Amino acid sequence: MLSITHTEESPDLISMNPSPTEVKIHHCSDCGRSFTLQSDFKRHQLIHTGEKPYTCSDCGANFTTQIYLNIHQRIHADEKPYKCSDSGKSFTEESNLVGHQRIHTNEKSYQCSDCEKCFSSQSHLLKHLRIHTEEKPHQCSDCEKRFTTQSDLKRHQRIHTGEKPYHCSDCGKSFITQSELNRHKRIHTGEKPYHCLDCGKSFNQPGSLKKHMRIHTGEKPYHCSECGKSFAQQSNLKTHQLTHSGQKKHRCSECGEDFLRWSKLKLHQRSHTNEKPYICSECGMNFTRASLLRLHQRIHTGEKPHYCSECGKNFTRLTLLRLHQRIHTGEKPYHCLVCGQSFSRPDYLKLHQRIHTGEKPYHCSVCGKSFTQASTLRIHKGVHTGEKPYYCSECGKGFTQLSKLQDHQRVHTGEKPFYCSECGKGFSRLSKLQLHQRVHTGEKPYYCSACGKNFAQLSNLRIHQRVHTEEKPHHCSECGKSFNRMRKLQVHQRVHTRKKPHSCSNCGKNFRHLRSFKRHKCTATAVDHNTPSTSSGPNEDVTKSKELVYREEEKKVSEAYNIHKTKYTVVE
């Protein structure tokens, strides 16, 4: 039988005489649970009332029992009295140590009856079972979001309250959970204790390693019940499922745009506020997202964790590696609808399409000239500023770009690292090789929209288009005459400078035009062939014969030049 004895020291004390038919006398009117001890019953009622009478003096967090408060205060004191003898890791609670030790023993005695997955603790199994039952008994009073566990709800509520009770002693940054703080601390220590056995890559979180492993295994354990599509990550599945429901409950108050996830809305709102809360400690640059900051920091650290298995080249981002790998595979998935040319990257296609549209969105503020690429505009601005920051150590010549200097230095070294697979000819630049290869392939990707003529080089197309536009952008500073090509202007200027760069090695005569020089050489060759060879005759006769022919040819050339000169007389 059960007897209740009240004393002055403890008026609520229940003394029990055990019997085979023990009765639970305290019933909860809210949920119907029964308790044999009044103290247990009172603690239970705090769940329904929400009362938390025990407050932490350090951070103000409230708890239902003194025991929970004591455990919590170990966080601030950094007290971890329970230590694992195998790994040396310490814990604030004994239950956490017991759970941890099962990692070493690999003991997983709790099995799910639905999927046969095993767990090291009953609490983990109970949490897991809610995946199958889809039970989420804990609801947030602020946003009505539901959670499978009370601890998940508590962590979530800190988003609304802004509470971040866990502080980093190195940089002062605060976090919502202890696990987030632990992960953050690895940034300072550089610790990445979780290693991939397939590729050797290291991670600072076990979850990150687990997700990474799915790249090698191809595992996609999360399946959509609507369409059967599979995903490697649960977060991706949840986002995908919203496409079926059409649910976009997170709306931007500024522009009215809807988002599937609250985190996406939060990121979007920074476009209105211009908030960039993530700051680089090296250069002070600000970023809207932590992931962008991490990528940026690789500039300072030189870290390039993504490497190409074909050539060993390393990259700071996975996307850059994937783009690079198309060089080896030859994959060009982006096609021009106008001419059919294919590209490995969407930005290359966009640049190419400007050839057809004529779009030049980048304008020089000094001379008004327009360009298809921002990089070309930056290079052009050096024409006005005269800035040439890259100098050749051999000859002192300056260049506006580092790539131009590197190309130039091959003039001194004679290096031609790019070879044609068809004829073996070497080139100092990859672009020159690519142009040369069109000789073999016959490819002429640039065509004139006015007459349909095709060209192997873009520069030749632009020069040709001046035939239709009658544009002559190259002007002679002496006489004002205009030309559609720079080469023609340079040849014309020899009229004023009287420069004759073409010299005959046989007779020493100089010529202004290459065609005149070639004609002269042909004449000299003809003289050599037509002059009879006599073993006994004097050399003077042969010389006189050659001179007569030279004079006749020179007379013809001179007459032709005078006609040309009369035709283009310069009025002074």
Protein backbone atom coordinates (compact mmCIF):
# COMPACT_ATOMS: atom_id res chain seq x y z
CA MET A 1 0.00 0.00 0.00
CA LEU A 2 0.98 3.64 -0.50
CA SER A 3 1.07 6.06 2.45
CA ILE A 4 1.66 9.82 2.32
CA THR A 5 3.44 11.43 5.27
CA HIS A 6 3.70 15.23 5.70
CA THR A 7 6.56 16.64 7.78
CA GLU A 8 7.58 20.18 8.72
CA GLU A 9 10.88 19.85 6.89
CA SER A 10 9.24 18.62 3.68
CA PRO A 11 5.50 19.03 3.56
CA ASP A 12 5.30 17.59 0.03
CA LEU A 13 7.41 14.53 0.78
CA ILE A 14 5.84 11.28 -0.37
CA SER A 15 7.06 8.19 1.43
CA MET A 16 6.38 4.93 -0.32
CA ASN A 17 6.08 1.38 0.91
CA PRO A 18 6.74 -0.67 -2.20
CA SER A 19 4.05 -3.09 -3.19
CA PRO A 20 3.45 -5.24 -6.23
CA THR A 21 0.57 -2.97 -7.32
CA GLU A 22 2.19 0.48 -7.20
CA VAL A 23 -0.22 3.33 -8.09
CA LYS A 24 0.71 6.57 -9.95
CA ILE A 25 -1.32 9.16 -8.10
CA HIS A 26 -0.29 12.42 -9.84
CA HIS A 27 -2.03 12.97 -13.18
CA CYS A 28 -1.23 15.82 -15.58
CA SER A 29 -4.46 17.44 -16.78
CA ASP A 30 -2.69 18.82 -19.90
CA CYS A 31 -1.26 15.65 -21.42
CA GLY A 32 -2.58 12.84 -19.20
CA ARG A 33 0.80 11.57 -18.00
CA SER A 34 1.00 10.12 -14.47
CA PHE A 35 3.77 10.38 -11.88
CA THR A 36 4.45 8.58 -8.59
CA LEU A 37 6.58 11.42 -7.18
CA GLN A 38 5.16 14.88 -6.68
CA SER A 39 8.58 16.43 -7.41
CA ASP A 40 8.63 14.73 -10.81
CA PHE A 41 5.06 15.88 -11.42
CA LYS A 42 5.94 19.50 -10.56
CA ARG A 43 8.96 19.48 -12.85
CA HIS A 44 6.81 18.06 -15.61
CA GLN A 45 4.20 20.83 -15.24
CA LEU A 46 6.89 23.42 -15.99
CA ILE A 47 6.91 22.10 -19.56
CA HIS A 48 3.28 23.22 -20.02
CA THR A 49 3.54 26.48 -18.07
CA GLY A 50 6.85 27.41 -19.69
CA GLU A 51 8.16 28.46 -16.30
CA LYS A 52 11.95 28.36 -15.93
CA PRO A 53 12.78 29.55 -12.42
CA TYR A 54 16.53 28.92 -12.54
CA THR A 55 18.49 31.70 -14.28
CA CYS A 56 22.13 31.74 -15.41
CA SER A 57 23.94 34.78 -13.95
CA ASP A 58 26.39 34.84 -16.89
CA CYS A 59 24.12 34.90 -19.92
CA GLY A 60 20.57 35.07 -18.51
CA ALA A 61 19.46 31.71 -19.91
CA ASN A 62 16.60 30.11 -17.94
CA PHE A 63 16.15 26.47 -16.93
CA THR A 64 13.44 24.31 -15.38
CA THR A 65 15.73 22.62 -12.83
CA GLN A 66 18.83 23.42 -10.80
CA ILE A 67 20.56 20.39 -12.32
CA TYR A 68 20.12 21.74 -15.85
CA LEU A 69 21.43 25.14 -14.73
CA ASN A 70 24.50 23.51 -13.15
CA ILE A 71 25.23 21.61 -16.36
CA HIS A 72 24.77 24.78 -18.42
CA GLN A 73 27.15 26.82 -16.25
CA ARG A 74 29.95 24.45 -17.14
CA ILE A 75 29.89 26.07 -20.59
CA HIS A 76 30.94 29.44 -19.14
CA ALA A 77 33.43 27.90 -16.73
CA ASP A 78 34.74 25.73 -19.58
CA GLU A 79 34.41 22.89 -17.10
CA LYS A 80 34.43 19.44 -18.68
CA PRO A 81 34.86 16.92 -15.87
CA TYR A 82 34.11 13.82 -17.93
CA LYS A 83 37.10 12.71 -20.02
CA CYS A 84 37.41 9.92 -22.59
CA SER A 85 40.37 7.63 -21.84
CA ASP A 86 40.70 6.67 -25.53
CA SER A 87 40.76 10.05 -27.28
CA GLY A 88 41.28 12.44 -24.36
CA LYS A 89 38.18 14.43 -25.33
CA SER A 90 36.29 16.03 -22.42
CA PHE A 91 32.55 16.57 -21.87
CA THR A 92 30.34 18.63 -19.56
CA GLU A 93 27.88 15.75 -19.00
CA GLU A 94 28.43 12.10 -18.23
CA SER A 95 25.74 11.06 -20.70
CA ASN A 96 27.66 12.79 -23.50
CA LEU A 97 30.81 10.88 -22.54
CA VAL A 98 28.93 7.56 -22.58
CA GLY A 99 27.53 8.37 -26.02
CA HIS A 100 30.96 9.43 -27.28
CA GLN A 101 32.65 6.22 -26.09
CA ARG A 102 30.41 4.24 -28.41
CA ILE A 103 32.35 5.81 -31.30
CA HIS A 104 35.43 3.85 -30.17
CA THR A 105 33.54 0.63 -29.50
CA ASN A 106 31.40 1.13 -32.62
CA GLU A 107 28.47 0.00 -30.53
CA LYS A 108 25.13 0.73 -32.16
CA SER A 109 22.61 -1.35 -30.30
CA TYR A 110 19.48 0.65 -31.23
CA GLN A 111 18.04 -0.27 -34.62
CA CYS A 112 15.28 1.39 -36.65
CA SER A 113 12.55 -1.11 -37.58
CA ASP A 114 11.70 0.87 -40.74
CA CYS A 115 15.10 1.24 -42.44
CA GLU A 116 17.31 -0.95 -40.18
CA LYS A 117 19.68 1.96 -39.51
CA CYS A 118 21.52 1.58 -36.19
CA PHE A 119 22.24 4.18 -33.52
CA SER A 120 24.49 4.39 -30.49
CA SER A 121 21.77 5.79 -28.20
CA GLN A 122 18.04 5.45 -27.73
CA SER A 123 17.56 9.22 -27.95
CA HIS A 124 19.18 9.26 -31.40
CA LEU A 125 16.91 6.42 -32.50
CA LEU A 126 13.80 8.26 -31.25
CA LYS A 127 14.85 11.39 -33.13
CA HIS A 128 15.45 9.33 -36.26
CA LEU A 129 12.03 7.62 -36.06
CA ARG A 130 10.38 11.01 -36.52
CA ILE A 131 11.78 11.09 -40.08
CA HIS A 132 9.53 8.13 -40.92
CA THR A 133 6.53 9.31 -38.90
CA GLU A 134 7.10 12.96 -39.98
CA GLU A 135 6.23 13.87 -36.39
CA LYS A 136 7.22 17.42 -35.44
CA PRO A 137 5.66 18.05 -32.03
CA HIS A 138 7.60 21.21 -31.18
CA GLN A 139 6.32 24.43 -32.77
CA CYS A 140 7.87 27.91 -32.85
CA SER A 141 5.45 30.53 -31.51
CA ASP A 142 7.05 33.25 -33.69
CA CYS A 143 6.99 31.71 -37.17
CA GLU A 144 4.98 28.50 -36.55
CA LYS A 145 7.79 26.33 -37.89
CA ARG A 146 7.78 22.83 -36.40
CA PHE A 147 10.67 20.69 -35.18
CA THR A 148 11.21 17.06 -34.26
CA THR A 149 13.09 17.81 -31.03
CA GLN A 150 12.90 20.39 -28.26
CA SER A 151 16.61 21.17 -28.66
CA ASP A 152 16.11 21.96 -32.36
CA LEU A 153 13.28 24.33 -31.44
CA LYS A 154 15.44 26.07 -28.82
CA ARG A 155 18.23 26.57 -31.30
CA HIS A 156 15.78 27.90 -33.86
CA GLN A 157 14.21 30.37 -31.41
CA ARG A 158 17.58 32.07 -31.01
CA ILE A 159 17.17 33.28 -34.59
CA HIS A 160 14.20 35.37 -33.42
CA THR A 161 15.67 36.44 -30.08
CA GLY A 162 19.13 37.07 -31.52
CA GLU A 163 20.66 35.22 -28.58
CA LYS A 164 24.18 33.93 -29.23
CA PRO A 165 25.48 32.62 -25.90
CA TYR A 166 28.65 30.97 -27.19
CA HIS A 167 31.61 33.32 -27.73
CA CYS A 168 34.95 32.77 -29.47
CA SER A 169 37.85 33.70 -27.20
CA ASP A 170 40.07 34.44 -30.23
CA CYS A 171 37.97 36.91 -32.23
CA GLY A 172 34.93 37.56 -30.00
CA LYS A 173 32.43 36.26 -32.55
CA SER A 174 29.26 34.77 -31.04
CA PHE A 175 27.28 31.70 -32.01
CA ILE A 176 23.86 30.20 -31.37
CA THR A 177 25.13 26.71 -30.52
CA GLN A 178 28.22 25.17 -28.94
CA SER A 179 28.78 23.01 -32.02
CA GLU A 180 28.89 26.12 -34.24
CA LEU A 181 31.50 27.63 -31.92
CA ASN A 182 33.56 24.43 -32.02
CA ARG A 183 33.46 24.41 -35.82
CA HIS A 184 34.39 28.10 -35.93
CA LYS A 185 37.42 27.60 -33.67
CA ARG A 186 38.92 25.34 -36.32
CA ILE A 187 39.29 28.43 -38.54
CA HIS A 188 41.82 29.80 -36.04
CA THR A 189 43.54 26.48 -35.38
CA GLY A 190 43.39 25.33 -39.01
CA GLU A 191 42.36 21.91 -37.75
CA LYS A 192 40.74 19.63 -40.33
CA PRO A 193 40.55 16.28 -38.56
CA TYR A 194 38.20 14.54 -40.99
CA HIS A 195 39.94 13.06 -44.06
CA CYS A 196 38.56 11.57 -47.26
CA LEU A 197 40.15 8.16 -47.90
CA ASP A 198 39.48 8.43 -51.66
CA CYS A 199 41.11 11.77 -52.53
CA GLY A 200 42.82 12.81 -49.29
CA LYS A 201 40.83 16.03 -48.92
CA SER A 202 40.37 17.17 -45.30
CA PHE A 203 37.38 18.77 -43.58
CA ASN A 204 36.76 20.54 -40.28
CA GLN A 205 33.33 18.95 -39.82
CA PRO A 206 32.24 15.29 -40.00
CA GLY A 207 29.06 16.35 -41.79
CA SER A 208 31.11 18.05 -44.53
CA LEU A 209 33.15 14.87 -45.02
CA LYS A 210 29.98 12.77 -45.19
CA LYS A 211 28.49 15.06 -47.86
CA HIS A 212 31.79 15.08 -49.77
CA MET A 213 31.95 11.27 -49.79
CA ARG A 214 28.76 11.21 -51.84
CA ILE A 215 30.74 12.71 -54.75
CA HIS A 216 32.78 9.49 -54.89
CA THR A 217 29.96 7.06 -54.09
CA GLY A 218 27.28 8.85 -56.12
CA GLU A 219 24.89 8.26 -53.22
CA LYS A 220 21.70 10.33 -53.23
CA PRO A 221 19.79 9.09 -50.19
CA TYR A 222 17.06 11.75 -50.16
CA HIS A 223 14.17 11.00 -52.53
CA CYS A 224 11.23 13.17 -53.53
CA SER A 225 7.95 11.30 -52.97
CA GLU A 226 6.25 13.40 -55.69
CA CYS A 227 8.55 12.88 -58.69
CA GLY A 228 11.13 10.35 -57.47
CA LYS A 229 14.08 12.70 -57.98
CA SER A 230 17.02 12.01 -55.65
CA PHE A 231 19.36 14.38 -53.85
CA ALA A 232 22.69 14.07 -52.06
CA GLN A 233 21.65 16.55 -49.35
CA GLN A 234 18.44 16.79 -47.34
CA SER A 235 18.41 20.59 -47.63
CA ASN A 236 18.31 20.29 -51.43
CA LEU A 237 15.39 17.86 -51.19
CA LYS A 238 13.43 20.24 -48.94
CA THR A 239 14.00 23.12 -51.34
CA HIS A 240 12.97 20.92 -54.27
CA GLN A 241 9.76 19.77 -52.55
CA LEU A 242 8.58 23.36 -52.32
CA THR A 243 8.45 23.46 -56.15
CA HIS A 244 5.63 20.89 -56.02
CA SER A 245 3.66 22.70 -53.35
CA GLY A 246 4.33 26.10 -54.94
CA GLN A 247 4.86 27.39 -51.43
CA LYS A 248 6.83 30.63 -51.24
CA LYS A 249 5.95 31.97 -47.84
CA HIS A 250 8.96 34.24 -47.33
CA ARG A 251 8.27 37.59 -48.99
CA CYS A 252 10.56 40.62 -49.26
CA SER A 253 8.87 43.71 -47.79
CA GLU A 254 10.89 45.98 -50.12
CA CYS A 255 10.18 44.53 -53.56
CA GLY A 256 7.58 41.80 -52.89
CA GLU A 257 9.72 38.96 -54.24
CA ASP A 258 8.94 35.55 -52.73
CA PHE A 259 11.47 32.96 -51.60
CA LEU A 260 11.24 29.27 -50.78
CA ARG A 261 13.63 29.57 -47.86
CA TRP A 262 14.03 32.18 -45.13
CA SER A 263 17.83 32.08 -45.54
CA LYS A 264 17.45 33.04 -49.23
CA LEU A 265 15.22 35.97 -48.26
CA LYS A 266 17.77 37.14 -45.70
CA LEU A 267 20.52 37.11 -48.33
CA HIS A 268 18.26 38.90 -50.82
CA GLN A 269 17.41 41.68 -48.36
CA ARG A 270 21.09 42.65 -48.27
CA SER A 271 20.71 43.82 -51.88
CA HIS A 272 18.36 46.53 -50.56
CA THR A 273 20.28 47.40 -47.40
CA ASN A 274 23.72 46.98 -49.04
CA GLU A 275 24.73 45.16 -45.86
CA LYS A 276 28.03 43.30 -46.12
CA PRO A 277 28.60 41.83 -42.65
CA TYR A 278 31.51 39.55 -43.55
CA ILE A 279 34.85 41.39 -43.47
CA CYS A 280 38.25 40.15 -44.64
CA SER A 281 40.77 40.62 -41.83
CA GLU A 282 43.61 40.91 -44.37
CA CYS A 283 42.39 43.68 -46.70
CA GLY A 284 39.13 44.90 -45.13
CA MET A 285 36.98 43.94 -48.12
CA ASN A 286 33.30 43.31 -47.28
CA PHE A 287 31.02 40.53 -48.47
CA THR A 288 27.31 39.72 -48.24
CA ARG A 289 27.89 36.02 -47.63
CA ALA A 290 30.31 33.99 -45.52
CA SER A 291 30.94 31.65 -48.47
CA LEU A 292 32.10 34.57 -50.63
CA LEU A 293 34.45 35.71 -47.87
CA ARG A 294 35.93 32.21 -47.59
CA LEU A 295 36.53 32.12 -51.34
CA HIS A 296 38.11 35.59 -51.24
CA GLN A 297 40.45 34.63 -48.37
CA ARG A 298 42.06 32.05 -50.64
CA ILE A 299 43.62 34.97 -52.53
CA HIS A 300 45.61 35.81 -49.38
CA THR A 301 46.32 32.24 -48.26
CA GLY A 302 47.03 30.96 -51.77
CA GLU A 303 44.84 27.94 -51.05
CA LYS A 304 43.67 26.11 -54.17
CA PRO A 305 41.94 22.98 -52.89
CA HIS A 306 40.44 21.84 -56.19
CA TYR A 307 42.93 20.14 -58.52
CA CYS A 308 42.67 18.72 -62.03
CA SER A 309 43.49 15.00 -62.21
CA GLU A 310 44.52 15.38 -65.88
CA CYS A 311 47.20 18.09 -65.65
CA GLY A 312 47.54 18.74 -61.90
CA LYS A 313 46.50 22.39 -62.11
CA ASN A 314 44.86 23.75 -58.94
CA PHE A 315 41.89 26.09 -58.53
CA THR A 316 40.34 28.11 -55.71
CA ARG A 317 36.77 27.15 -56.68
CA LEU A 318 35.11 23.93 -57.80
CA THR A 319 33.26 25.80 -60.59
CA LEU A 320 36.58 26.99 -62.05
CA LEU A 321 37.90 23.41 -61.99
CA ARG A 322 34.84 22.13 -63.84
CA LEU A 323 35.21 24.85 -66.49
CA HIS A 324 38.90 24.00 -66.85
CA GLN A 325 38.19 20.27 -67.26
CA ARG A 326 36.33 21.08 -70.49
CA ILE A 327 39.73 21.85 -72.04
CA HIS A 328 40.61 18.15 -71.62
CA THR A 329 37.18 16.75 -72.50
CA GLY A 330 36.59 19.20 -75.36
CA GLU A 331 33.07 19.79 -74.08
CA LYS A 332 31.49 22.98 -75.45
CA PRO A 333 27.85 22.97 -74.33
CA TYR A 334 27.05 26.61 -75.20
CA HIS A 335 26.13 27.19 -78.86
CA CYS A 336 25.68 30.38 -80.89
CA LEU A 337 22.28 30.32 -82.63
CA VAL A 338 23.54 32.63 -85.40
CA CYS A 339 26.69 30.88 -86.65
CA GLY A 340 26.65 27.60 -84.69
CA GLN A 341 30.01 28.14 -82.99
CA SER A 342 30.32 26.37 -79.62
CA PHE A 343 31.90 27.52 -76.37
CA SER A 344 32.95 25.91 -73.09
CA ARG A 345 31.64 28.77 -70.94
CA PRO A 346 28.47 30.90 -71.02
CA ASP A 347 30.44 34.14 -70.66
CA TYR A 348 32.51 33.24 -73.75
CA LEU A 349 29.28 32.75 -75.70
CA LYS A 350 27.96 36.10 -74.47
CA LEU A 351 31.14 37.87 -75.63
CA HIS A 352 30.99 36.09 -78.99
CA GLN A 353 27.36 37.09 -79.60
CA ARG A 354 28.42 40.75 -79.51
CA ILE A 355 30.19 40.12 -82.84
CA HIS A 356 26.77 39.52 -84.40
CA THR A 357 24.85 42.17 -82.47
CA GLY A 358 27.59 44.80 -82.65
CA GLU A 359 27.03 45.56 -78.97
CA LYS A 360 29.88 47.45 -77.29
CA PRO A 361 28.68 48.27 -73.76
CA TYR A 362 31.99 49.59 -72.38
CA HIS A 363 32.77 53.21 -73.28
CA CYS A 364 35.93 55.26 -72.83
CA SER A 365 35.14 58.51 -71.00
CA VAL A 366 38.10 60.26 -72.67
CA CYS A 367 37.62 59.57 -76.38
CA GLY A 368 34.20 57.90 -76.45
CA LYS A 369 35.48 54.71 -78.08
CA SER A 370 33.42 51.62 -77.24
CA PHE A 371 34.48 48.06 -76.49
CA THR A 372 32.84 44.64 -76.19
CA GLN A 373 34.81 43.71 -73.04
CA ALA A 374 35.61 45.57 -69.82
CA SER A 375 39.18 44.21 -69.91
CA THR A 376 39.72 45.68 -73.38
CA LEU A 377 38.51 49.08 -72.14
CA ARG A 378 40.96 48.95 -69.21
CA ILE A 379 43.81 48.20 -71.60
CA HIS A 380 42.69 51.00 -73.94
CA LYS A 381 42.74 53.56 -71.12
CA GLY A 382 46.49 53.05 -70.97
CA VAL A 383 46.65 54.82 -74.37
CA HIS A 384 45.46 58.04 -72.71
CA THR A 385 47.40 57.69 -69.47
CA GLY A 386 50.53 56.36 -71.15
CA GLU A 387 50.88 53.92 -68.28
CA LYS A 388 52.95 50.83 -69.08
CA PRO A 389 53.69 49.17 -65.75
CA TYR A 390 55.27 46.00 -67.18
CA TYR A 391 58.87 46.37 -68.44
CA CYS A 392 61.12 43.94 -70.29
CA SER A 393 64.38 43.37 -68.40
CA GLU A 394 66.18 42.67 -71.71
CA CYS A 395 65.35 45.75 -73.77
CA GLY A 396 63.40 48.00 -71.38
CA LYS A 397 60.25 48.07 -73.52
CA GLY A 398 57.07 48.80 -71.56
CA PHE A 399 53.71 47.05 -71.82
CA THR A 400 50.20 47.73 -70.55
CA GLN A 401 49.55 44.05 -69.75
CA LEU A 402 51.58 41.30 -68.11
CA SER A 403 50.49 38.84 -70.80
CA LYS A 404 51.86 41.18 -73.50
CA LEU A 405 55.21 41.34 -71.68
CA GLN A 406 55.33 37.54 -71.40
CA ASP A 407 54.59 37.22 -75.13
CA HIS A 408 57.27 39.81 -75.93
CA GLN A 409 59.94 38.06 -73.83
CA ARG A 410 59.71 35.10 -76.20
CA VAL A 411 61.26 37.35 -78.85
CA HIS A 412 64.46 37.32 -76.78
CA THR A 413 64.28 33.67 -75.71
CA GLY A 414 63.06 32.40 -79.08
CA GLU A 415 60.60 30.19 -77.22
CA LYS A 416 57.71 28.83 -79.29
CA PRO A 417 55.84 26.50 -76.92
CA PHE A 418 52.69 26.10 -79.04
CA TYR A 419 53.00 23.57 -81.89
CA CYS A 420 50.63 22.75 -84.73
CA SER A 421 49.72 19.05 -84.70
CA GLU A 422 49.22 19.12 -88.49
CA CYS A 423 52.50 20.62 -89.74
CA GLY A 424 54.64 20.95 -86.60
CA LYS A 425 55.07 24.72 -86.92
CA GLY A 426 55.79 26.45 -83.60
CA PHE A 427 54.24 29.66 -82.27
CA SER A 428 55.06 31.98 -79.40
CA ARG A 429 51.39 32.53 -78.53
CA LEU A 430 48.40 30.20 -78.27
CA SER A 431 46.21 32.69 -80.14
CA LYS A 432 48.62 32.62 -83.10
CA LEU A 433 48.49 28.81 -83.16
CA GLN A 434 44.68 28.88 -83.10
CA LEU A 435 44.64 31.32 -86.03
CA HIS A 436 47.16 29.19 -87.92
CA GLN A 437 45.12 26.00 -87.44
CA ARG A 438 42.34 27.58 -89.49
CA VAL A 439 44.66 27.25 -92.50
CA HIS A 440 44.33 23.46 -92.14
CA THR A 441 40.67 23.33 -91.10
CA GLY A 442 39.52 26.07 -93.49
CA GLU A 443 37.44 27.48 -90.66
CA LYS A 444 36.24 31.05 -91.20
CA PRO A 445 33.94 31.78 -88.26
CA TYR A 446 33.57 35.52 -88.85
CA TYR A 447 31.19 36.54 -91.61
CA CYS A 448 30.10 39.88 -93.01
CA SER A 449 26.39 40.55 -92.54
CA ALA A 450 26.43 42.91 -95.56
CA CYS A 451 27.83 40.61 -98.26
CA GLY A 452 28.15 37.22 -96.54
CA LYS A 453 31.92 36.94 -97.01
CA ASN A 454 33.70 34.84 -94.37
CA PHE A 455 36.98 35.49 -92.59
CA ALA A 456 39.34 33.46 -90.43
CA GLN A 457 40.17 36.43 -88.18
CA LEU A 458 37.94 39.01 -86.52
CA SER A 459 40.40 41.80 -87.37
CA ASN A 460 40.13 40.97 -91.07
CA LEU A 461 36.33 41.09 -90.85
CA ARG A 462 36.44 44.53 -89.23
CA ILE A 463 38.82 45.83 -91.91
CA HIS A 464 36.60 44.36 -94.62
CA GLN A 465 33.46 45.97 -93.18
CA ARG A 466 35.02 49.37 -93.89
CA VAL A 467 34.47 48.62 -97.59
CA HIS A 468 30.73 48.83 -96.92
CA THR A 469 30.84 51.67 -94.39
CA GLU A 470 33.58 53.56 -96.32
CA GLU A 471 35.17 54.27 -92.96
CA LYS A 472 38.81 55.43 -93.15
CA PRO A 473 39.93 55.90 -89.57
CA HIS A 474 43.68 56.24 -90.24
CA HIS A 475 44.70 59.80 -91.23
CA CYS A 476 48.01 61.15 -92.49
CA SER A 477 49.24 63.99 -90.28
CA GLU A 478 51.16 65.52 -93.22
CA CYS A 479 48.55 65.76 -95.96
CA GLY A 480 45.31 64.67 -94.27
CA LYS A 481 44.71 61.73 -96.58
CA SER A 482 42.70 58.89 -94.99
CA PHE A 483 43.05 55.13 -95.22
CA ASN A 484 40.94 52.17 -94.13
CA ARG A 485 44.00 50.23 -92.89
CA MET A 486 46.96 51.25 -90.75
CA ARG A 487 49.33 49.39 -93.07
CA LYS A 488 48.27 51.53 -96.03
CA LEU A 489 48.86 54.71 -94.01
CA GLN A 490 52.35 53.52 -93.02
CA VAL A 491 53.25 52.82 -96.67
CA HIS A 492 51.83 56.21 -97.73
CA GLN A 493 53.86 58.11 -95.13
CA ARG A 494 57.05 57.03 -96.93
CA VAL A 495 56.12 59.55 -99.62
CA HIS A 496 56.68 62.30 -97.05
CA THR A 497 59.61 60.75 -95.18
CA ARG A 498 61.22 59.44 -98.43
CA LYS A 499 62.03 56.31 -96.49
CA LYS A 500 62.97 53.33 -98.67
CA PRO A 501 63.17 50.29 -96.39
CA HIS A 502 63.58 47.62 -99.09
CA SER A 503 67.20 47.22 -100.21
CA CYS A 504 68.59 45.06 -103.04
CA SER A 505 71.57 42.97 -101.93
CA ASN A 506 72.85 42.70 -105.52
CA CYS A 507 73.00 46.33 -106.59
CA GLY A 508 72.34 48.20 -103.33
CA LYS A 509 69.34 50.07 -104.70
CA ASN A 510 66.54 51.00 -102.20
CA PHE A 511 62.78 50.91 -102.76
CA ARG A 512 59.83 52.53 -101.03
CA HIS A 513 57.30 49.82 -101.88
CA LEU A 514 57.67 46.09 -101.48
CA ARG A 515 56.04 45.46 -104.86
CA SER A 516 58.66 47.66 -106.59
CA PHE A 517 61.41 45.79 -104.79
CA LYS A 518 59.96 42.42 -105.85
CA ARG A 519 59.63 43.62 -109.45
CA HIS A 520 63.26 44.73 -109.36
CA LYS A 521 64.39 41.33 -108.10
CA CYS A 522 62.46 39.60 -110.88
CA THR A 523 64.16 41.86 -113.43
CA ALA A 524 67.58 41.06 -112.00
CA THR A 525 66.81 37.36 -112.15
CA ALA A 526 65.67 37.68 -115.76
CA VAL A 527 68.92 39.43 -116.66
CA ASP A 528 70.91 36.62 -115.05
CA HIS A 529 69.01 34.03 -117.08
CA ASN A 530 69.05 35.94 -120.42
CA THR A 531 72.71 37.02 -120.35
CA PRO A 532 74.80 34.53 -122.42
CA SER A 533 77.58 32.90 -120.44
CA THR A 534 80.96 32.99 -122.23
CA SER A 535 84.00 31.39 -120.74
CA SER A 536 86.40 33.56 -122.77
CA GLY A 537 84.52 36.89 -123.06
CA PRO A 538 85.35 39.85 -120.81
CA ASN A 539 83.28 40.50 -117.61
CA GLU A 540 82.81 44.13 -118.65
CA ASP A 541 80.38 43.15 -121.43
CA VAL A 542 78.18 41.17 -119.03
CA THR A 543 78.12 44.06 -116.54
CA LYS A 544 77.20 46.57 -119.27
CA SER A 545 74.44 44.28 -120.49
CA LYS A 546 72.97 44.05 -116.97
CA GLU A 547 73.17 47.80 -116.48
CA LEU A 548 71.25 48.41 -119.71
CA VAL A 549 68.46 46.09 -118.62
CA TYR A 550 68.39 47.68 -115.14
CA ARG A 551 68.08 51.13 -116.67
CA GLU A 552 65.23 50.05 -118.93
CA GLU A 553 63.35 48.53 -116.01
CA GLU A 554 64.05 51.51 -113.78
CA LYS A 555 62.75 53.80 -116.47
CA LYS A 556 59.49 51.83 -116.61
CA VAL A 557 59.17 51.85 -112.82
CA SER A 558 59.92 55.58 -112.71
CA GLU A 559 57.29 56.32 -115.34
CA ALA A 560 54.74 54.24 -113.47
CA TYR A 561 55.59 56.02 -110.23
CA ASN A 562 55.27 59.47 -111.86
CA ILE A 563 51.83 58.54 -113.16
CA HIS A 564 50.90 57.38 -109.66
CA LYS A 565 52.33 60.58 -108.16
CA THR A 566 50.42 62.79 -110.63
CA LYS A 567 47.23 60.95 -109.81
CA TYR A 568 47.62 61.70 -106.05
CA THR A 569 49.23 65.14 -106.16
CA VAL A 570 49.45 66.80 -102.77
CA VAL A 571 48.38 70.44 -102.88
CA GLU A 572 50.48 72.48 -100.44
